[in-house]
Amino acid sequence: MEAARNPNEQQKKREISRSLALIKCPNCGNDTDFLEVADDVILTTHYRQNRDGSFTQEGDESQILGEIKLFCGECNTDLSNFHSRFLEMLF
């Protein structure tokens, strides 16, 4: 019975260690700065005009129609293969 549980425990340990691994650029080694770039975005910004004629931003919303990519913030290497991992770790 113990032997049957052992492979499952090892698999869980591998999954946990993978989930704790940092995304690291294979080109320059950067593991801190990243850029997310979206193609074909509609950005709508809402403004209210004040009595003095100036404007105050009330909010904005965006709609992404195209592809979203992840890039290294240091050397601009395309890291899109890590994008799903990046999304999992956004807090």
C-alpha atoms as a PDB file:
ATOM      1  CA  MET A   1       0.000   0.000   0.000  1.00  0.00           C
ATOM      2  CA  GLU A   2       2.843   2.408   0.851  1.00  0.00           C
ATOM      3  CA  ALA A   3       4.487   1.779  -2.523  1.00  0.00           C
ATOM      4  CA  ALA A   4       1.262   2.664  -4.327  1.00  0.00           C
ATOM      5  CA  ARG A   5       1.080   6.064  -2.579  1.00  0.00           C
ATOM      6  CA  ASN A   6       4.718   6.927  -3.134  1.00  0.00           C
ATOM      7  CA  PRO A   7       4.457   7.667  -6.912  1.00  0.00           C
ATOM      8  CA  ASN A   8       1.503   9.994  -6.269  1.00  0.00           C
ATOM      9  CA  GLU A   9       3.396  11.821  -3.538  1.00  0.00           C
ATOM     10  CA  GLN A  10       6.417  12.197  -5.793  1.00  0.00           C
ATOM     11  CA  GLN A  11       4.209  13.594  -8.561  1.00  0.00           C
ATOM     12  CA  LYS A  12       2.673  16.117  -6.131  1.00  0.00           C
ATOM     13  CA  LYS A  13       6.142  17.190  -4.985  1.00  0.00           C
ATOM     14  CA  ARG A  14       7.209  17.723  -8.603  1.00  0.00           C
ATOM     15  CA  GLU A  15       4.082  19.806  -9.264  1.00  0.00           C
ATOM     16  CA  ILE A  16       4.698  21.926  -6.165  1.00  0.00           C
ATOM     17  CA  SER A  17       8.353  22.510  -7.019  1.00  0.00           C
ATOM     18  CA  ARG A  18       7.349  23.452 -10.589  1.00  0.00           C
ATOM     19  CA  SER A  19       4.746  25.882  -9.269  1.00  0.00           C
ATOM     20  CA  LEU A  20       7.372  27.558  -7.064  1.00  0.00           C
ATOM     21  CA  ALA A  21       9.894  27.913  -9.895  1.00  0.00           C
ATOM     22  CA  LEU A  22      10.518  31.413 -11.166  1.00  0.00           C
ATOM     23  CA  ILE A  23      10.052  32.315 -14.799  1.00  0.00           C
ATOM     24  CA  LYS A  24      13.542  33.031 -16.056  1.00  0.00           C
ATOM     25  CA  CYS A  25      14.575  34.365 -19.455  1.00  0.00           C
ATOM     26  CA  PRO A  26      16.684  31.711 -21.194  1.00  0.00           C
ATOM     27  CA  ASN A  27      18.492  34.437 -23.138  1.00  0.00           C
ATOM     28  CA  CYS A  28      19.678  36.857 -20.412  1.00  0.00           C
ATOM     29  CA  GLY A  29      18.683  35.214 -17.109  1.00  0.00           C
ATOM     30  CA  ASN A  30      16.259  37.974 -16.074  1.00  0.00           C
ATOM     31  CA  ASP A  31      13.713  36.740 -13.536  1.00  0.00           C
ATOM     32  CA  THR A  32      12.182  40.024 -12.349  1.00  0.00           C
ATOM     33  CA  ASP A  33      11.049  42.291 -15.217  1.00  0.00           C
ATOM     34  CA  PHE A  34       8.486  41.268 -17.821  1.00  0.00           C
ATOM     35  CA  LEU A  35       6.213  42.915 -20.383  1.00  0.00           C
ATOM     36  CA  GLU A  36       2.776  41.736 -21.446  1.00  0.00           C
ATOM     37  CA  VAL A  37       1.876  43.032 -24.903  1.00  0.00           C
ATOM     38  CA  ALA A  38      -1.623  42.820 -26.369  1.00  0.00           C
ATOM     39  CA  ASP A  39      -2.432  43.304 -30.050  1.00  0.00           C
ATOM     40  CA  ASP A  40      -5.605  44.976 -31.319  1.00  0.00           C
ATOM     41  CA  VAL A  41      -6.803  46.636 -28.126  1.00  0.00           C
ATOM     42  CA  ILE A  42      -9.737  48.997 -27.783  1.00  0.00           C
ATOM     43  CA  LEU A  43      -9.141  51.304 -24.834  1.00  0.00           C
ATOM     44  CA  THR A  44     -12.077  53.423 -23.728  1.00  0.00           C
ATOM     45  CA  THR A  45     -11.405  56.150 -21.160  1.00  0.00           C
ATOM     46  CA  HIS A  46     -14.250  57.948 -19.401  1.00  0.00           C
ATOM     47  CA  TYR A  47     -13.817  61.652 -18.504  1.00  0.00           C
ATOM     48  CA  ARG A  48     -15.934  64.220 -16.711  1.00  0.00           C
ATOM     49  CA  GLN A  49     -15.575  67.886 -17.585  1.00  0.00           C
ATOM     50  CA  ASN A  50     -15.190  70.147 -14.567  1.00  0.00           C
ATOM     51  CA  ARG A  51     -16.769  73.602 -14.225  1.00  0.00           C
ATOM     52  CA  ASP A  52     -13.419  75.246 -14.964  1.00  0.00           C
ATOM     53  CA  GLY A  53     -13.166  73.420 -18.310  1.00  0.00           C
ATOM     54  CA  SER A  54     -10.580  70.877 -17.135  1.00  0.00           C
ATOM     55  CA  PHE A  55     -11.206  67.129 -17.334  1.00  0.00           C
ATOM     56  CA  THR A  56     -10.963  64.413 -14.691  1.00  0.00           C
ATOM     57  CA  GLN A  57     -10.516  60.791 -15.643  1.00  0.00           C
ATOM     58  CA  GLU A  58     -13.369  58.727 -14.201  1.00  0.00           C
ATOM     59  CA  GLY A  59     -12.170  55.308 -15.313  1.00  0.00           C
ATOM     60  CA  ASP A  60     -11.234  53.189 -18.277  1.00  0.00           C
ATOM     61  CA  GLU A  61     -11.941  49.826 -19.781  1.00  0.00           C
ATOM     62  CA  SER A  62     -10.150  47.757 -22.364  1.00  0.00           C
ATOM     63  CA  GLN A  63     -11.105  45.055 -24.790  1.00  0.00           C
ATOM     64  CA  ILE A  64      -8.348  42.860 -26.229  1.00  0.00           C
ATOM     65  CA  LEU A  65      -9.157  41.539 -29.685  1.00  0.00           C
ATOM     66  CA  GLY A  66      -5.775  40.130 -30.644  1.00  0.00           C
ATOM     67  CA  GLU A  67      -2.982  37.977 -29.337  1.00  0.00           C
ATOM     68  CA  ILE A  68      -1.330  38.548 -25.950  1.00  0.00           C
ATOM     69  CA  LYS A  69       2.400  37.883 -25.592  1.00  0.00           C
ATOM     70  CA  LEU A  70       4.901  37.901 -22.739  1.00  0.00           C
ATOM     71  CA  PHE A  71       8.384  39.377 -23.214  1.00  0.00           C
ATOM     72  CA  CYS A  72      11.507  39.673 -21.126  1.00  0.00           C
ATOM     73  CA  GLY A  73      11.709  43.215 -19.742  1.00  0.00           C
ATOM     74  CA  GLU A  74      15.500  43.239 -20.121  1.00  0.00           C
ATOM     75  CA  CYS A  75      16.280  41.813 -23.578  1.00  0.00           C
ATOM     76  CA  ASN A  76      12.783  41.601 -25.164  1.00  0.00           C
ATOM     77  CA  THR A  77      12.981  37.847 -25.782  1.00  0.00           C
ATOM     78  CA  ASP A  78       9.546  36.394 -26.536  1.00  0.00           C
ATOM     79  CA  LEU A  79       8.530  34.359 -23.477  1.00  0.00           C
ATOM     80  CA  SER A  80       4.954  33.697 -24.581  1.00  0.00           C
ATOM     81  CA  ASN A  81       5.361  29.997 -23.818  1.00  0.00           C
ATOM     82  CA  PHE A  82       5.373  31.075 -20.126  1.00  0.00           C
ATOM     83  CA  HIS A  83       2.260  33.275 -20.450  1.00  0.00           C
ATOM     84  CA  SER A  84      -0.171  30.787 -18.885  1.00  0.00           C
ATOM     85  CA  ARG A  85       2.194  30.384 -15.904  1.00  0.00           C
ATOM     86  CA  PHE A  86       2.416  34.179 -15.662  1.00  0.00           C
ATOM     87  CA  LEU A  87      -1.396  34.449 -15.566  1.00  0.00           C
ATOM     88  CA  GLU A  88      -1.624  31.784 -12.849  1.00  0.00           C
ATOM     89  CA  MET A  89       0.676  33.797 -10.628  1.00  0.00           C
ATOM     90  CA  LEU A  90      -0.972  37.228 -10.940  1.00  0.00           C
ATOM     91  CA  PHE A  91      -2.287  38.413  -7.597  1.00  0.00           C
END
